[in-house]
C-alpha atoms as a PDB file:
ATOM      1  CA  UNK A   1     103.078  68.994 179.838  1.00  0.00           C
ATOM      2  CA  UNK A   2     103.143  70.336 176.608  1.00  0.00           C
ATOM      3  CA  UNK A   3     102.882  67.777 173.481  1.00  0.00           C
ATOM      4  CA  UNK A   4     106.404  66.021 171.709  1.00  0.00           C
ATOM      5  CA  UNK A   5     105.265  68.609 168.964  1.00  0.00           C
ATOM      6  CA  UNK A   6     104.216  71.666 170.547  1.00  0.00           C
ATOM      7  CA  UNK A   7     107.871  71.213 171.857  1.00  0.00           C
ATOM      8  CA  UNK A   8     109.556  70.552 168.996  1.00  0.00           C
ATOM      9  CA  UNK A   9     108.123  74.031 167.414  1.00  0.00           C
ATOM     10  CA  UNK A  10     109.079  75.419 169.804  1.00  0.00           C
ATOM     11  CA  UNK A  11     112.718  74.602 168.878  1.00  0.00           C
ATOM     12  CA  UNK A  12     112.190  75.609 165.220  1.00  0.00           C
ATOM     13  CA  UNK A  13     110.852  79.264 166.792  1.00  0.00           C
ATOM     14  CA  UNK A  14     113.602  79.944 169.014  1.00  0.00           C
ATOM     15  CA  UNK A  15     116.328  77.995 165.912  1.00  0.00           C
ATOM     16  CA  UNK A  16     115.174  80.739 163.912  1.00  0.00           C
ATOM     17  CA  UNK A  17     115.455  83.635 166.102  1.00  0.00           C
ATOM     18  CA  UNK A  18     118.504  82.894 168.028  1.00  0.00           C
ATOM     19  CA  UNK A  19     120.415  81.607 165.331  1.00  0.00           C
ATOM     20  CA  UNK A  20     120.183  83.036 162.055  1.00  0.00           C
ATOM     21  CA  UNK A  21     122.520  83.554 159.862  1.00  0.00           C
ATOM     22  CA  UNK A  22     122.520  86.658 157.291  1.00  0.00           C
ATOM     23  CA  UNK A  23     120.946  84.173 154.541  1.00  0.00           C
ATOM     24  CA  UNK A  24     118.765  82.902 157.033  1.00  0.00           C
ATOM     25  CA  UNK A  25     117.694  86.846 157.417  1.00  0.00           C
ATOM     26  CA  UNK A  26     117.895  87.437 154.187  1.00  0.00           C
ATOM     27  CA  UNK A  27     115.157  84.725 153.159  1.00  0.00           C
ATOM     28  CA  UNK A  28     112.151  86.116 156.040  1.00  0.00           C
ATOM     29  CA  UNK A  29     113.088  89.897 154.550  1.00  0.00           C
ATOM     30  CA  UNK A  30     112.072  89.769 150.780  1.00  0.00           C
ATOM     31  CA  UNK A  31     109.151  87.041 151.502  1.00  0.00           C
ATOM     32  CA  UNK A  32     107.395  89.592 153.944  1.00  0.00           C
ATOM     33  CA  UNK A  33     108.493  92.251 151.731  1.00  0.00           C
ATOM     34  CA  UNK A  34     106.676  89.888 149.236  1.00  0.00           C
ATOM     35  CA  UNK A  35     103.448  89.287 151.581  1.00  0.00           C
ATOM     36  CA  UNK A  36     103.471  92.969 152.159  1.00  0.00           C
ATOM     37  CA  UNK A  37     103.513  93.698 148.290  1.00  0.00           C
ATOM     38  CA  UNK A  38     100.529  90.533 148.198  1.00  0.00           C
ATOM     39  CA  UNK A  39      98.154  91.531 151.010  1.00  0.00           C
ATOM     40  CA  UNK A  40      96.154  94.614 150.573  1.00  0.00           C
ATOM     41  CA  UNK A  41      95.756  95.163 153.549  1.00  0.00           C
ATOM     42  CA  UNK A  42      98.015  94.793 157.189  1.00  0.00           C
ATOM     43  CA  UNK A  43      97.853  95.277 160.831  1.00  0.00           C
ATOM     44  CA  UNK A  44     100.897  95.884 163.199  1.00  0.00           C
ATOM     45  CA  UNK A  45     100.567  94.531 166.918  1.00  0.00           C
ATOM     46  CA  UNK A  46     101.645  93.275 169.677  1.00  0.00           C
ATOM     47  CA  UNK A  47     100.529  89.771 171.631  1.00  0.00           C
ATOM     48  CA  UNK A  48     102.988  89.349 173.615  1.00  0.00           C
ATOM     49  CA  UNK A  49     101.750  88.135 176.972  1.00  0.00           C
ATOM     50  CA  UNK A  50      99.553  85.522 175.217  1.00  0.00           C
ATOM     51  CA  UNK A  51     100.149  82.049 176.750  1.00  0.00           C
ATOM     52  CA  UNK A  52     100.128  79.337 174.717  1.00  0.00           C
ATOM     53  CA  UNK A  53      96.643  78.835 174.788  1.00  0.00           C
ATOM     54  CA  UNK A  54      95.435  82.094 174.483  1.00  0.00           C
ATOM     55  CA  UNK A  55      98.643  82.523 172.162  1.00  0.00           C
ATOM     56  CA  UNK A  56      96.896  79.521 169.396  1.00  0.00           C
ATOM     57  CA  UNK A  57      92.926  80.534 170.317  1.00  0.00           C
ATOM     58  CA  UNK A  58      94.047  84.110 168.466  1.00  0.00           C
ATOM     59  CA  UNK A  59      96.167  81.948 165.826  1.00  0.00           C
ATOM     60  CA  UNK A  60      93.056  79.648 165.003  1.00  0.00           C
ATOM     61  CA  UNK A  61      90.775  82.698 164.278  1.00  0.00           C
ATOM     62  CA  UNK A  62      93.166  84.122 161.949  1.00  0.00           C
ATOM     63  CA  UNK A  63      93.362  81.038 160.147  1.00  0.00           C
ATOM     64  CA  UNK A  64      89.755  81.019 160.574  1.00  0.00           C
ATOM     65  CA  UNK A  65      89.049  83.858 159.020  1.00  0.00           C
ATOM     66  CA  UNK A  66      91.848  83.719 156.017  1.00  0.00           C
ATOM     67  CA  UNK A  67      94.511  86.242 158.220  1.00  0.00           C
ATOM     68  CA  UNK A  68      98.459  85.531 158.290  1.00  0.00           C
ATOM     69  CA  UNK A  69      99.552  85.445 161.817  1.00  0.00           C
ATOM     70  CA  UNK A  70     103.065  85.772 161.806  1.00  0.00           C
ATOM     71  CA  UNK A  71     105.408  87.067 164.703  1.00  0.00           C
ATOM     72  CA  UNK A  72     108.608  89.207 162.859  1.00  0.00           C
ATOM     73  CA  UNK A  73     111.560  90.537 164.700  1.00  0.00           C
ATOM     74  CA  UNK A  74     111.745  94.197 163.547  1.00  0.00           C
ATOM     75  CA  UNK A  75     114.829  94.655 162.522  1.00  0.00           C
ATOM     76  CA  UNK A  76     113.942  92.274 160.093  1.00  0.00           C
ATOM     77  CA  UNK A  77     110.454  93.513 159.397  1.00  0.00           C
ATOM     78  CA  UNK A  78     111.244  97.362 159.182  1.00  0.00           C
ATOM     79  CA  UNK A  79     114.255  96.007 155.987  1.00  0.00           C
ATOM     80  CA  UNK A  80     111.089  94.283 154.351  1.00  0.00           C
ATOM     81  CA  UNK A  81     109.513  97.136 155.075  1.00  0.00           C
ATOM     82  CA  UNK A  82     112.229  99.258 153.331  1.00  0.00           C
ATOM     83  CA  UNK A  83     112.325  96.914 150.104  1.00  0.00           C
ATOM     84  CA  UNK A  84     108.388  96.901 149.498  1.00  0.00           C
ATOM     85  CA  UNK A  85     106.342  98.894 147.415  1.00  0.00           C
ATOM     86  CA  UNK A  86     104.827 101.008 149.749  1.00  0.00           C
ATOM     87  CA  UNK A  87     106.312 103.633 151.598  1.00  0.00           C
ATOM     88  CA  UNK A  88     105.974 103.324 155.314  1.00  0.00           C
ATOM     89  CA  UNK A  89     108.761 105.665 157.255  1.00  0.00           C
ATOM     90  CA  UNK A  90     106.007 106.565 159.914  1.00  0.00           C
ATOM     91  CA  UNK A  91     105.363 103.000 160.599  1.00  0.00           C
ATOM     92  CA  UNK A  92     109.671 102.905 161.946  1.00  0.00           C
ATOM     93  CA  UNK A  93     109.198 103.803 165.285  1.00  0.00           C
ATOM     94  CA  UNK A  94     105.932 101.650 166.425  1.00  0.00           C
ATOM     95  CA  UNK A  95     108.835  98.922 165.426  1.00  0.00           C
ATOM     96  CA  UNK A  96     109.364  98.951 169.158  1.00  0.00           C
ATOM     97  CA  UNK A  97     108.520  95.676 171.789  1.00  0.00           C
ATOM     98  CA  UNK A  98     107.525  92.584 169.815  1.00  0.00           C
ATOM     99  CA  UNK A  99     105.450  92.910 166.500  1.00  0.00           C
ATOM    100  CA  UNK A 100     102.999  90.843 165.019  1.00  0.00           C
ATOM    101  CA  UNK A 101     102.009  91.418 161.345  1.00  0.00           C
ATOM    102  CA  UNK A 102      99.091  90.155 160.390  1.00  0.00           C
ATOM    103  CA  UNK A 103      97.855  90.051 156.607  1.00  0.00           C
ATOM    104  CA  UNK A 104      95.136  90.189 155.014  1.00  0.00           C
ATOM    105  CA  UNK A 105      93.234  90.686 152.151  1.00  0.00           C
ATOM    106  CA  UNK A 106      89.872  92.051 153.694  1.00  0.00           C
ATOM    107  CA  UNK A 107      90.736  95.517 155.399  1.00  0.00           C
ATOM    108  CA  UNK A 108      89.145  95.279 158.340  1.00  0.00           C
ATOM    109  CA  UNK A 109      88.029  91.567 159.637  1.00  0.00           C
ATOM    110  CA  UNK A 110      91.204  91.559 161.824  1.00  0.00           C
ATOM    111  CA  UNK A 111      90.346  94.847 163.079  1.00  0.00           C
ATOM    112  CA  UNK A 112      87.086  93.086 164.280  1.00  0.00           C
ATOM    113  CA  UNK A 113      89.414  89.920 165.227  1.00  0.00           C
ATOM    114  CA  UNK A 114      91.388  92.298 167.555  1.00  0.00           C
ATOM    115  CA  UNK A 115      88.538  94.055 168.820  1.00  0.00           C
ATOM    116  CA  UNK A 116      86.311  90.475 169.692  1.00  0.00           C
ATOM    117  CA  UNK A 117      89.521  88.439 171.361  1.00  0.00           C
ATOM    118  CA  UNK A 118      90.066  91.779 173.604  1.00  0.00           C
ATOM    119  CA  UNK A 119      86.744  91.639 175.131  1.00  0.00           C
ATOM    120  CA  UNK A 120      87.930  88.748 177.434  1.00  0.00           C
ATOM    121  CA  UNK A 121      91.899  89.634 177.272  1.00  0.00           C
ATOM    122  CA  UNK A 122      94.539  92.914 177.080  1.00  0.00           C
ATOM    123  CA  UNK A 123      96.313  91.998 173.695  1.00  0.00           C
ATOM    124  CA  UNK A 124      97.400  92.148 170.811  1.00  0.00           C
ATOM    125  CA  UNK A 125      97.428  95.936 171.395  1.00  0.00           C
ATOM    126  CA  UNK A 126      97.597  98.030 168.106  1.00  0.00           C
ATOM    127  CA  UNK A 127     100.057  99.761 166.563  1.00  0.00           C
ATOM    128  CA  UNK A 128      99.283 100.140 163.243  1.00  0.00           C
ATOM    129  CA  UNK A 129      97.035  99.565 160.425  1.00  0.00           C
ATOM    130  CA  UNK A 130      98.232  99.654 156.625  1.00  0.00           C
ATOM    131  CA  UNK A 131      94.224  99.726 155.132  1.00  0.00           C
ATOM    132  CA  UNK A 132      92.726 100.549 151.723  1.00  0.00           C
ATOM    133  CA  UNK A 133      95.744 102.376 150.678  1.00  0.00           C
ATOM    134  CA  UNK A 134      95.430 104.497 153.989  1.00  0.00           C
ATOM    135  CA  UNK A 135      98.171 103.881 157.413  1.00  0.00           C
ATOM    136  CA  UNK A 136      96.290 104.094 160.846  1.00  0.00           C
ATOM    137  CA  UNK A 137      98.895 104.604 163.616  1.00  0.00           C
ATOM    138  CA  UNK A 138      97.671 103.773 167.638  1.00  0.00           C
ATOM    139  CA  UNK A 139      95.156 101.770 169.185  1.00  0.00           C
ATOM    140  CA  UNK A 140      92.276 104.565 168.532  1.00  0.00           C
ATOM    141  CA  UNK A 141      91.928 103.876 165.714  1.00  0.00           C
ATOM    142  CA  UNK A 142      90.962 100.201 166.117  1.00  0.00           C
ATOM    143  CA  UNK A 143      86.577 101.918 166.230  1.00  0.00           C
ATOM    144  CA  UNK A 144      87.649 103.540 162.625  1.00  0.00           C
ATOM    145  CA  UNK A 145      88.896  99.972 161.204  1.00  0.00           C
ATOM    146  CA  UNK A 146      86.069  98.245 162.658  1.00  0.00           C
ATOM    147  CA  UNK A 147      84.349 100.152 160.317  1.00  0.00           C
ATOM    148  CA  UNK A 148      85.570 100.465 158.612  1.00  0.00           C
ATOM    149  CA  UNK A 149      83.813  97.936 155.010  1.00  0.00           C
ATOM    150  CA  UNK A 150      85.765  95.573 153.044  1.00  0.00           C
ATOM    151  CA  UNK A 151      85.220  95.312 149.353  1.00  0.00           C
ATOM    152  CA  UNK A 152      82.438  93.565 148.728  1.00  0.00           C
ATOM    153  CA  UNK A 153      79.949  95.167 151.434  1.00  0.00           C
ATOM    154  CA  UNK A 154      79.988  97.946 149.402  1.00  0.00           C
ATOM    155  CA  UNK A 155      79.064  96.615 146.633  1.00  0.00           C
ATOM    156  CA  UNK A 156      76.404  94.969 147.780  1.00  0.00           C
ATOM    157  CA  UNK A 157      75.354  98.007 149.431  1.00  0.00           C
ATOM    158  CA  UNK A 158      75.371 100.050 145.045  1.00  0.00           C
ATOM    159  CA  UNK A 159      73.975  96.854 144.337  1.00  0.00           C
ATOM    160  CA  UNK A 160      71.154  97.341 147.403  1.00  0.00           C
ATOM    161  CA  UNK A 161      71.355 101.135 146.243  1.00  0.00           C
ATOM    162  CA  UNK A 162      70.314 100.675 142.578  1.00  0.00           C
ATOM    163  CA  UNK A 163      67.452  98.091 143.522  1.00  0.00           C
ATOM    164  CA  UNK A 164      66.079 100.095 145.353  1.00  0.00           C
ATOM    165  CA  UNK A 165      64.272 102.832 143.050  1.00  0.00           C
ATOM    166  CA  UNK A 166      64.008 100.410 140.606  1.00  0.00           C
ATOM    167  CA  UNK A 167      61.429  97.595 143.102  1.00  0.00           C
ATOM    168  CA  UNK A 168      59.977 100.686 143.477  1.00  0.00           C
ATOM    169  CA  UNK A 169      59.371 101.630 139.341  1.00  0.00           C
ATOM    170  CA  UNK A 170      57.869  97.978 139.480  1.00  0.00           C
ATOM    171  CA  UNK A 171      56.256  98.193 142.471  1.00  0.00           C
ATOM    172  CA  UNK A 172      54.021 101.845 141.564  1.00  0.00           C
ATOM    173  CA  UNK A 173      53.720 100.275 137.852  1.00  0.00           C
ATOM    174  CA  UNK A 174      52.448  97.095 139.297  1.00  0.00           C
ATOM    175  CA  UNK A 175      49.990  98.730 141.815  1.00  0.00           C
ATOM    176  CA  UNK A 176      48.837 101.183 139.252  1.00  0.00           C
ATOM    177  CA  UNK A 177      48.537  97.986 136.703  1.00  0.00           C
ATOM    178  CA  UNK A 178      44.199  98.083 138.216  1.00  0.00           C
ATOM    179  CA  UNK A 179      43.872 102.003 138.092  1.00  0.00           C
ATOM    180  CA  UNK A 180      44.899 102.812 135.417  1.00  0.00           C
ATOM    181  CA  UNK A 181      42.891  99.494 134.062  1.00  0.00           C
ATOM    182  CA  UNK A 182      39.436 101.587 135.683  1.00  0.00           C
ATOM    183  CA  UNK A 183      40.669 104.510 134.803  1.00  0.00           C
ATOM    184  CA  UNK A 184      40.280 103.012 130.680  1.00  0.00           C
ATOM    185  CA  UNK A 185      36.888 101.810 132.150  1.00  0.00           C
ATOM    186  CA  UNK A 186      36.036 104.082 133.082  1.00  0.00           C
ATOM    187  CA  UNK A 187      36.672 106.444 129.898  1.00  0.00           C
ATOM    188  CA  UNK A 188      35.274 103.953 127.593  1.00  0.00           C
ATOM    189  CA  UNK A 189      31.940 103.378 129.613  1.00  0.00           C
ATOM    190  CA  UNK A 190      31.455 107.484 128.953  1.00  0.00           C
ATOM    191  CA  UNK A 191      31.837 107.187 125.310  1.00  0.00           C
END
């Protein structure tokens, strides 16, 4: 049995998607275009056929990882993409069947969530992603997206690489300290 709050939410969704007037549609389009410009990465996925429990679990996982998951009407999303700053024409043919958009500031996190979620479910199916200023089209690109390193991961790698030679020099100097002092002492004893 559904909780009363869930029933209200379902009614709200029905009102938003069935009886939207032009002004409401324009507000949604403007909001989507702003989010597309605001977030550095977004994924388009098909989450249809997920039951309410699975859909809630996916939304919860996205929320925990600071990802905004929004189910959108394809026509409104297409107009929002046209109104945004990027060139997303390659995505237009993919805007069929139900579409959800996942907004994130970390490029690989949505891919990791999709991959993890699909261990137990058939969906979501990746339609496309805009990550690191590049388009990835098709579900077969999921593994590539999972392996992309985030900005923070790349910075950590660079710091580690920079620290490694310095650590080697310090280690060599410390271990060589006794050798150098031994050589100096030997030379002093010879004189």
